[in-house]
N, C-alpha and C. Protein backbone atom coordinates (compact mmCIF):
# COMPACT_ATOMS: atom_id res chain seq x y z
N MET A 1 104.15 28.53 53.64
CA MET A 1 105.08 29.35 52.87
C MET A 1 104.41 30.67 52.50
N VAL A 2 105.21 31.67 52.31
CA VAL A 2 104.73 33.01 52.00
C VAL A 2 104.28 33.06 50.54
N HIS A 3 103.05 33.46 50.33
CA HIS A 3 102.52 33.56 48.97
C HIS A 3 102.74 34.96 48.43
N GLY A 4 102.97 35.04 47.12
CA GLY A 4 103.07 36.34 46.46
C GLY A 4 104.29 37.14 46.83
N THR A 5 105.40 36.47 47.06
CA THR A 5 106.61 37.20 47.41
C THR A 5 107.81 36.58 46.71
N HIS A 6 108.90 37.27 46.73
CA HIS A 6 110.09 36.79 46.03
C HIS A 6 110.95 35.93 46.95
N ASN A 7 111.96 35.31 46.39
CA ASN A 7 112.79 34.37 47.14
C ASN A 7 113.54 35.03 48.29
N GLY A 8 113.93 36.29 48.14
CA GLY A 8 114.62 36.98 49.23
C GLY A 8 113.74 37.09 50.47
N ALA A 9 112.49 37.45 50.28
CA ALA A 9 111.56 37.53 51.41
C ALA A 9 111.28 36.15 51.98
N LYS A 10 111.18 35.16 51.12
CA LYS A 10 110.98 33.78 51.60
C LYS A 10 112.15 33.35 52.47
N SER A 11 113.36 33.77 52.09
CA SER A 11 114.55 33.44 52.87
C SER A 11 114.50 34.09 54.25
N VAL A 12 114.04 35.33 54.31
CA VAL A 12 113.91 36.02 55.60
C VAL A 12 112.92 35.28 56.49
N VAL A 13 111.78 34.91 55.93
CA VAL A 13 110.77 34.15 56.68
C VAL A 13 111.37 32.85 57.19
N HIS A 14 112.12 32.18 56.35
CA HIS A 14 112.74 30.92 56.74
C HIS A 14 113.71 31.13 57.91
N GLU A 15 114.55 32.14 57.82
CA GLU A 15 115.55 32.39 58.86
C GLU A 15 114.91 32.84 60.18
N LEU A 16 113.84 33.64 60.08
CA LEU A 16 113.16 34.12 61.30
C LEU A 16 112.20 33.09 61.86
N VAL A 17 111.88 32.10 61.05
CA VAL A 17 110.86 31.09 61.39
C VAL A 17 109.56 31.80 61.76
N SER A 18 109.25 32.83 61.00
CA SER A 18 108.04 33.60 61.26
C SER A 18 107.74 34.50 60.07
N GLU A 19 106.46 34.75 59.87
CA GLU A 19 106.03 35.74 58.88
C GLU A 19 105.61 37.02 59.57
N ASP A 20 105.80 37.08 60.87
CA ASP A 20 105.33 38.20 61.68
C ASP A 20 106.41 39.28 61.79
N PHE A 21 106.57 40.05 60.74
CA PHE A 21 107.48 41.18 60.76
C PHE A 21 106.98 42.19 59.73
N PRO A 22 107.23 43.48 59.98
CA PRO A 22 106.75 44.50 59.03
C PRO A 22 107.53 44.43 57.72
N ARG A 23 106.83 44.68 56.62
CA ARG A 23 107.47 44.68 55.31
C ARG A 23 107.10 45.96 54.58
N ILE A 24 107.99 46.37 53.75
CA ILE A 24 107.72 47.51 52.88
C ILE A 24 107.73 46.97 51.46
N ARG A 25 106.62 47.13 50.78
CA ARG A 25 106.51 46.65 49.42
C ARG A 25 106.39 47.84 48.48
N ILE A 26 107.18 47.79 47.45
CA ILE A 26 107.13 48.84 46.44
C ILE A 26 106.86 48.14 45.12
N GLY A 27 105.74 48.46 44.51
CA GLY A 27 105.33 47.79 43.28
C GLY A 27 105.83 48.50 42.04
N ILE A 28 105.81 47.75 40.94
CA ILE A 28 106.21 48.32 39.65
C ILE A 28 105.11 48.17 38.63
N GLY A 29 103.91 47.85 39.07
CA GLY A 29 102.81 47.65 38.14
C GLY A 29 102.84 46.25 37.56
N LYS A 30 102.05 46.06 36.52
CA LYS A 30 101.96 44.75 35.89
C LYS A 30 102.15 44.90 34.38
N PRO A 31 102.78 43.89 33.78
CA PRO A 31 102.92 43.94 32.32
C PRO A 31 101.57 43.77 31.64
N ILE A 32 101.44 44.33 30.46
CA ILE A 32 100.19 44.20 29.71
C ILE A 32 99.96 42.74 29.33
N ASP A 33 101.00 42.07 28.92
CA ASP A 33 100.93 40.67 28.52
C ASP A 33 101.59 39.82 29.60
N GLU A 34 100.86 38.89 30.18
CA GLU A 34 101.39 38.06 31.27
C GLU A 34 102.67 37.35 30.88
N TYR A 35 102.85 37.05 29.62
CA TYR A 35 104.02 36.30 29.18
C TYR A 35 105.28 37.15 29.14
N ASP A 36 105.15 38.46 29.28
CA ASP A 36 106.29 39.36 29.24
C ASP A 36 106.75 39.77 30.64
N ALA A 37 106.38 39.02 31.67
CA ALA A 37 106.67 39.41 33.05
C ALA A 37 108.17 39.56 33.31
N VAL A 38 108.98 38.64 32.85
CA VAL A 38 110.42 38.71 33.09
C VAL A 38 111.01 39.94 32.41
N ASP A 39 110.68 40.14 31.15
CA ASP A 39 111.18 41.32 30.44
C ASP A 39 110.68 42.60 31.10
N TYR A 40 109.46 42.58 31.61
CA TYR A 40 108.88 43.75 32.26
C TYR A 40 109.69 44.13 33.50
N VAL A 41 110.11 43.13 34.25
CA VAL A 41 110.82 43.38 35.51
C VAL A 41 112.28 43.73 35.28
N ILE A 42 112.95 43.03 34.35
CA ILE A 42 114.40 43.23 34.20
C ILE A 42 114.80 43.88 32.88
N GLY A 43 113.82 44.23 32.06
CA GLY A 43 114.13 44.81 30.75
C GLY A 43 114.58 46.25 30.83
N LYS A 44 115.07 46.75 29.71
CA LYS A 44 115.52 48.15 29.60
C LYS A 44 114.30 49.08 29.69
N LEU A 45 114.48 50.17 30.41
CA LEU A 45 113.39 51.12 30.61
C LEU A 45 113.43 52.25 29.59
N GLU A 46 112.25 52.68 29.16
CA GLU A 46 112.15 53.88 28.35
C GLU A 46 112.36 55.08 29.27
N GLU A 47 112.77 56.21 28.70
CA GLU A 47 113.09 57.40 29.50
C GLU A 47 111.92 57.83 30.40
N GLU A 48 110.71 57.84 29.87
CA GLU A 48 109.55 58.24 30.67
C GLU A 48 109.34 57.29 31.84
N THR A 49 109.50 56.01 31.60
CA THR A 49 109.35 55.02 32.65
C THR A 49 110.44 55.18 33.69
N TYR A 50 111.65 55.46 33.24
CA TYR A 50 112.77 55.66 34.15
C TYR A 50 112.51 56.85 35.08
N GLN A 51 111.97 57.92 34.54
CA GLN A 51 111.66 59.09 35.36
C GLN A 51 110.61 58.75 36.42
N LYS A 52 109.60 57.96 36.03
CA LYS A 52 108.59 57.53 37.00
C LYS A 52 109.22 56.65 38.07
N LEU A 53 110.16 55.80 37.67
CA LEU A 53 110.85 54.94 38.62
C LEU A 53 111.63 55.78 39.63
N GLU A 54 112.31 56.81 39.16
CA GLU A 54 113.04 57.69 40.06
C GLU A 54 112.11 58.34 41.08
N GLU A 55 110.94 58.78 40.63
CA GLU A 55 109.95 59.37 41.54
C GLU A 55 109.50 58.32 42.57
N GLY A 56 109.28 57.10 42.11
CA GLY A 56 108.87 56.02 43.01
C GLY A 56 109.93 55.69 44.04
N ILE A 57 111.18 55.73 43.62
CA ILE A 57 112.28 55.47 44.56
C ILE A 57 112.31 56.54 45.64
N LYS A 58 112.15 57.80 45.24
CA LYS A 58 112.13 58.89 46.22
C LYS A 58 110.98 58.71 47.21
N LYS A 59 109.81 58.35 46.70
CA LYS A 59 108.66 58.12 47.58
C LYS A 59 108.92 56.92 48.49
N GLY A 60 109.55 55.89 47.95
CA GLY A 60 109.88 54.72 48.76
C GLY A 60 110.83 55.06 49.90
N VAL A 61 111.82 55.89 49.60
CA VAL A 61 112.76 56.33 50.64
C VAL A 61 112.02 57.11 51.72
N GLU A 62 111.13 58.00 51.31
CA GLU A 62 110.34 58.76 52.28
C GLU A 62 109.51 57.80 53.16
N GLY A 63 108.96 56.76 52.54
CA GLY A 63 108.17 55.78 53.29
C GLY A 63 109.01 55.02 54.29
N VAL A 64 110.22 54.64 53.91
CA VAL A 64 111.12 53.93 54.83
C VAL A 64 111.49 54.84 56.01
N VAL A 65 111.80 56.08 55.72
CA VAL A 65 112.16 57.02 56.79
C VAL A 65 110.97 57.20 57.73
N GLU A 66 109.78 57.37 57.17
CA GLU A 66 108.57 57.52 58.00
C GLU A 66 108.38 56.29 58.88
N PHE A 67 108.55 55.11 58.29
CA PHE A 67 108.41 53.86 59.03
C PHE A 67 109.40 53.80 60.18
N LEU A 68 110.66 54.14 59.92
CA LEU A 68 111.69 54.06 60.96
C LEU A 68 111.50 55.11 62.05
N MET A 69 111.06 56.30 61.66
CA MET A 69 110.94 57.40 62.62
C MET A 69 109.62 57.40 63.38
N CYS A 70 108.52 57.00 62.70
CA CYS A 70 107.19 57.18 63.28
C CYS A 70 106.38 55.89 63.39
N GLY A 71 106.92 54.80 62.91
CA GLY A 71 106.21 53.52 63.03
C GLY A 71 105.45 53.14 61.78
N ILE A 72 105.12 51.87 61.73
CA ILE A 72 104.50 51.32 60.53
C ILE A 72 103.10 51.87 60.29
N ASP A 73 102.33 52.08 61.35
CA ASP A 73 100.96 52.58 61.17
C ASP A 73 100.96 53.96 60.51
N ASN A 74 101.82 54.86 61.00
CA ASN A 74 101.91 56.18 60.39
C ASN A 74 102.36 56.10 58.94
N ALA A 75 103.34 55.26 58.68
CA ALA A 75 103.84 55.12 57.31
C ALA A 75 102.75 54.58 56.39
N MET A 76 102.00 53.60 56.86
CA MET A 76 100.93 53.03 56.04
C MET A 76 99.85 54.07 55.77
N ASN A 77 99.49 54.83 56.78
CA ASN A 77 98.46 55.85 56.59
C ASN A 77 98.91 56.95 55.63
N LYS A 78 100.19 57.26 55.66
CA LYS A 78 100.69 58.35 54.83
C LYS A 78 100.98 57.91 53.39
N PHE A 79 101.40 56.68 53.18
CA PHE A 79 101.88 56.28 51.86
C PHE A 79 101.02 55.25 51.14
N ASN A 80 100.05 54.67 51.78
CA ASN A 80 99.16 53.72 51.07
C ASN A 80 98.03 54.45 50.41
């Protein structure tokens, strides 16, 4: 089974019967307190955090376009 991933990705692995496919991961950081993980992921955002999220979404879109147009290696080199 795929470690460190969410149920949607696990479902893709199950349907493909393989873990051998490119993935794009976009992180959101980690909560200060491990017990606040759910609130950290689905809680209301402060304005400053929301602005950072918008910047991250734009960068994520650029990464997806790079991946589709130029391949995974170029995207990884440019955005990792």
